[in-house]
N, C-alpha and C. Protein backbone atom coordinates (compact mmCIF):
# COMPACT_ATOMS: atom_id res chain seq x y z
N MET A 1 8.05 -18.19 -2.78
CA MET A 1 7.13 -17.32 -3.47
C MET A 1 7.88 -16.18 -4.15
N GLY A 2 8.94 -15.72 -3.48
CA GLY A 2 9.74 -14.66 -4.09
C GLY A 2 10.36 -15.11 -5.40
N ASP A 3 10.74 -16.39 -5.46
CA ASP A 3 11.30 -16.92 -6.70
C ASP A 3 10.25 -16.94 -7.81
N LEU A 4 9.00 -17.23 -7.45
CA LEU A 4 7.94 -17.23 -8.46
C LEU A 4 7.75 -15.84 -9.04
N VAL A 5 7.79 -14.82 -8.19
CA VAL A 5 7.66 -13.45 -8.67
C VAL A 5 8.83 -13.10 -9.59
N SER A 6 10.04 -13.54 -9.23
CA SER A 6 11.21 -13.29 -10.08
C SER A 6 11.04 -13.96 -11.44
N ILE A 7 10.51 -15.18 -11.45
CA ILE A 7 10.27 -15.88 -12.72
C ILE A 7 9.25 -15.11 -13.55
N LEU A 8 8.19 -14.64 -12.91
CA LEU A 8 7.18 -13.85 -13.63
C LEU A 8 7.82 -12.61 -14.24
N ARG A 9 8.60 -11.90 -13.44
CA ARG A 9 9.23 -10.66 -13.93
C ARG A 9 10.17 -10.93 -15.12
N GLN A 10 10.98 -11.96 -15.01
CA GLN A 10 11.97 -12.26 -16.05
C GLN A 10 11.32 -12.77 -17.33
N ASN A 11 10.12 -13.29 -17.22
CA ASN A 11 9.44 -13.86 -18.38
C ASN A 11 8.08 -13.22 -18.61
N TRP A 12 7.98 -11.95 -18.29
CA TRP A 12 6.70 -11.26 -18.31
C TRP A 12 5.95 -11.41 -19.63
N THR A 13 6.63 -11.41 -20.74
CA THR A 13 5.95 -11.51 -22.03
C THR A 13 5.17 -12.82 -22.16
N LEU A 14 5.60 -13.85 -21.45
CA LEU A 14 4.89 -15.14 -21.49
C LEU A 14 3.65 -15.13 -20.60
N PHE A 15 3.64 -14.28 -19.58
CA PHE A 15 2.57 -14.29 -18.59
C PHE A 15 1.58 -13.14 -18.72
N GLU A 16 1.94 -12.07 -19.40
CA GLU A 16 1.12 -10.87 -19.39
C GLU A 16 -0.29 -11.06 -19.94
N ALA A 17 -0.50 -12.04 -20.78
CA ALA A 17 -1.85 -12.28 -21.31
C ALA A 17 -2.75 -12.93 -20.26
N HIS A 18 -2.16 -13.46 -19.19
CA HIS A 18 -2.92 -14.21 -18.19
C HIS A 18 -3.01 -13.51 -16.84
N ILE A 19 -2.11 -12.60 -16.58
CA ILE A 19 -2.03 -11.93 -15.27
C ILE A 19 -2.24 -10.43 -15.49
N PRO A 20 -3.17 -9.83 -14.71
CA PRO A 20 -3.48 -8.41 -14.95
C PRO A 20 -2.26 -7.50 -14.89
N THR A 21 -1.51 -7.58 -13.79
CA THR A 21 -0.29 -6.79 -13.64
C THR A 21 0.69 -7.56 -12.76
N ILE A 22 1.94 -7.24 -12.87
CA ILE A 22 2.94 -7.87 -12.02
C ILE A 22 2.70 -7.48 -10.57
N GLU A 23 2.20 -6.28 -10.34
CA GLU A 23 1.91 -5.83 -8.98
C GLU A 23 0.80 -6.68 -8.36
N TRP A 24 -0.21 -7.05 -9.15
CA TRP A 24 -1.29 -7.90 -8.67
C TRP A 24 -0.71 -9.25 -8.23
N ALA A 25 0.11 -9.84 -9.07
CA ALA A 25 0.70 -11.14 -8.74
C ALA A 25 1.61 -11.04 -7.52
N THR A 26 2.39 -9.98 -7.44
CA THR A 26 3.30 -9.79 -6.31
C THR A 26 2.52 -9.64 -5.01
N GLY A 27 1.48 -8.85 -5.03
CA GLY A 27 0.66 -8.67 -3.83
C GLY A 27 0.03 -9.96 -3.37
N LEU A 28 -0.49 -10.72 -4.31
CA LEU A 28 -1.12 -12.00 -3.99
C LEU A 28 -0.09 -12.97 -3.41
N MET A 29 1.06 -13.04 -4.02
CA MET A 29 2.12 -13.94 -3.54
C MET A 29 2.60 -13.52 -2.15
N ASP A 30 2.68 -12.22 -1.89
CA ASP A 30 3.10 -11.74 -0.58
C ASP A 30 2.13 -12.20 0.51
N VAL A 31 0.84 -12.10 0.24
CA VAL A 31 -0.17 -12.51 1.22
C VAL A 31 -0.08 -14.01 1.48
N ILE A 32 0.03 -14.78 0.42
CA ILE A 32 0.11 -16.24 0.59
C ILE A 32 1.41 -16.63 1.28
N GLU A 33 2.49 -15.94 0.97
CA GLU A 33 3.79 -16.27 1.58
C GLU A 33 3.78 -16.06 3.08
N ARG A 34 3.10 -15.03 3.56
CA ARG A 34 3.05 -14.79 5.00
C ARG A 34 2.42 -16.00 5.71
N SER A 35 1.32 -16.50 5.17
CA SER A 35 0.67 -17.67 5.76
C SER A 35 1.55 -18.91 5.62
N ARG A 36 2.19 -19.05 4.49
CA ARG A 36 3.10 -20.19 4.27
C ARG A 36 4.22 -20.19 5.30
N ASN A 37 4.77 -19.01 5.59
CA ASN A 37 5.86 -18.91 6.56
C ASN A 37 5.41 -19.34 7.96
N VAL A 38 4.20 -18.97 8.34
CA VAL A 38 3.68 -19.37 9.65
C VAL A 38 3.61 -20.89 9.73
N ILE A 39 3.05 -21.50 8.70
CA ILE A 39 2.90 -22.96 8.69
C ILE A 39 4.26 -23.66 8.69
N MET A 40 5.17 -23.20 7.87
CA MET A 40 6.46 -23.86 7.73
C MET A 40 7.34 -23.71 8.97
N HIS A 41 7.01 -22.77 9.84
CA HIS A 41 7.78 -22.59 11.07
C HIS A 41 6.97 -23.07 12.27
N SER A 42 6.20 -24.14 12.04
CA SER A 42 5.45 -24.85 13.09
C SER A 42 4.36 -24.01 13.75
N GLY A 43 3.87 -23.01 13.06
CA GLY A 43 2.77 -22.22 13.58
C GLY A 43 1.45 -22.75 13.07
N THR A 44 0.39 -22.16 13.52
CA THR A 44 -0.94 -22.52 13.03
C THR A 44 -1.64 -21.26 12.55
N LEU A 45 -2.50 -21.45 11.59
CA LEU A 45 -3.29 -20.34 11.06
C LEU A 45 -4.67 -20.35 11.71
N ASN A 46 -5.16 -19.17 12.02
CA ASN A 46 -6.52 -19.12 12.53
C ASN A 46 -7.49 -19.15 11.34
N ARG A 47 -8.74 -19.26 11.62
CA ARG A 47 -9.77 -19.42 10.58
C ARG A 47 -9.74 -18.27 9.57
N THR A 48 -9.56 -17.06 10.05
CA THR A 48 -9.51 -15.89 9.15
C THR A 48 -8.36 -16.00 8.17
N ASP A 49 -7.19 -16.42 8.66
CA ASP A 49 -6.03 -16.57 7.78
C ASP A 49 -6.26 -17.67 6.74
N ILE A 50 -6.86 -18.76 7.16
CA ILE A 50 -7.16 -19.86 6.24
C ILE A 50 -8.13 -19.38 5.16
N GLU A 51 -9.13 -18.63 5.56
CA GLU A 51 -10.10 -18.10 4.59
C GLU A 51 -9.43 -17.14 3.62
N ARG A 52 -8.49 -16.34 4.13
CA ARG A 52 -7.78 -15.38 3.27
C ARG A 52 -6.94 -16.11 2.22
N VAL A 53 -6.24 -17.16 2.65
CA VAL A 53 -5.45 -17.96 1.71
C VAL A 53 -6.37 -18.56 0.65
N GLY A 54 -7.48 -19.13 1.09
CA GLY A 54 -8.44 -19.71 0.14
C GLY A 54 -8.95 -18.69 -0.85
N MET A 55 -9.27 -17.49 -0.37
CA MET A 55 -9.76 -16.42 -1.24
C MET A 55 -8.70 -16.05 -2.29
N ASN A 56 -7.45 -15.94 -1.84
CA ASN A 56 -6.39 -15.58 -2.78
C ASN A 56 -6.14 -16.67 -3.81
N ILE A 57 -6.21 -17.90 -3.39
CA ILE A 57 -6.03 -19.00 -4.34
C ILE A 57 -7.18 -19.01 -5.35
N ARG A 58 -8.40 -18.79 -4.87
CA ARG A 58 -9.54 -18.71 -5.80
C ARG A 58 -9.38 -17.55 -6.78
N ASP A 59 -8.89 -16.40 -6.31
CA ASP A 59 -8.65 -15.26 -7.20
C ASP A 59 -7.63 -15.64 -8.28
N TRP A 60 -6.57 -16.32 -7.87
CA TRP A 60 -5.53 -16.74 -8.83
C TRP A 60 -6.14 -17.67 -9.88
N ILE A 61 -6.88 -18.67 -9.42
CA ILE A 61 -7.47 -19.64 -10.34
C ILE A 61 -8.46 -18.96 -11.28
N LYS A 62 -9.25 -18.04 -10.75
CA LYS A 62 -10.21 -17.33 -11.58
C LYS A 62 -9.48 -16.52 -12.67
N GLN A 63 -8.35 -15.95 -12.32
CA GLN A 63 -7.62 -15.11 -13.25
C GLN A 63 -6.83 -15.92 -14.28
N VAL A 64 -6.07 -16.92 -13.82
CA VAL A 64 -5.15 -17.61 -14.72
C VAL A 64 -5.56 -19.04 -15.03
N GLY A 65 -6.55 -19.56 -14.34
CA GLY A 65 -6.97 -20.94 -14.57
C GLY A 65 -6.26 -21.89 -13.63
N ALA A 66 -6.74 -23.10 -13.61
CA ALA A 66 -6.17 -24.10 -12.67
C ALA A 66 -4.91 -24.72 -13.23
């Protein structure tokens, strides 16, 4: 996820019409990355965490499209 933020920053002129601010994208990626790290290290997410990931993904899709 950190690499995605770096790509956004380095190519901001290509993304700025679709993403409100780089801070918005960074915050969203940080939240999703925390859950991703739990899963990738053999952990499990509780229902609240799963709902939070879903909410963030829906926010992303609403903002930039699928």
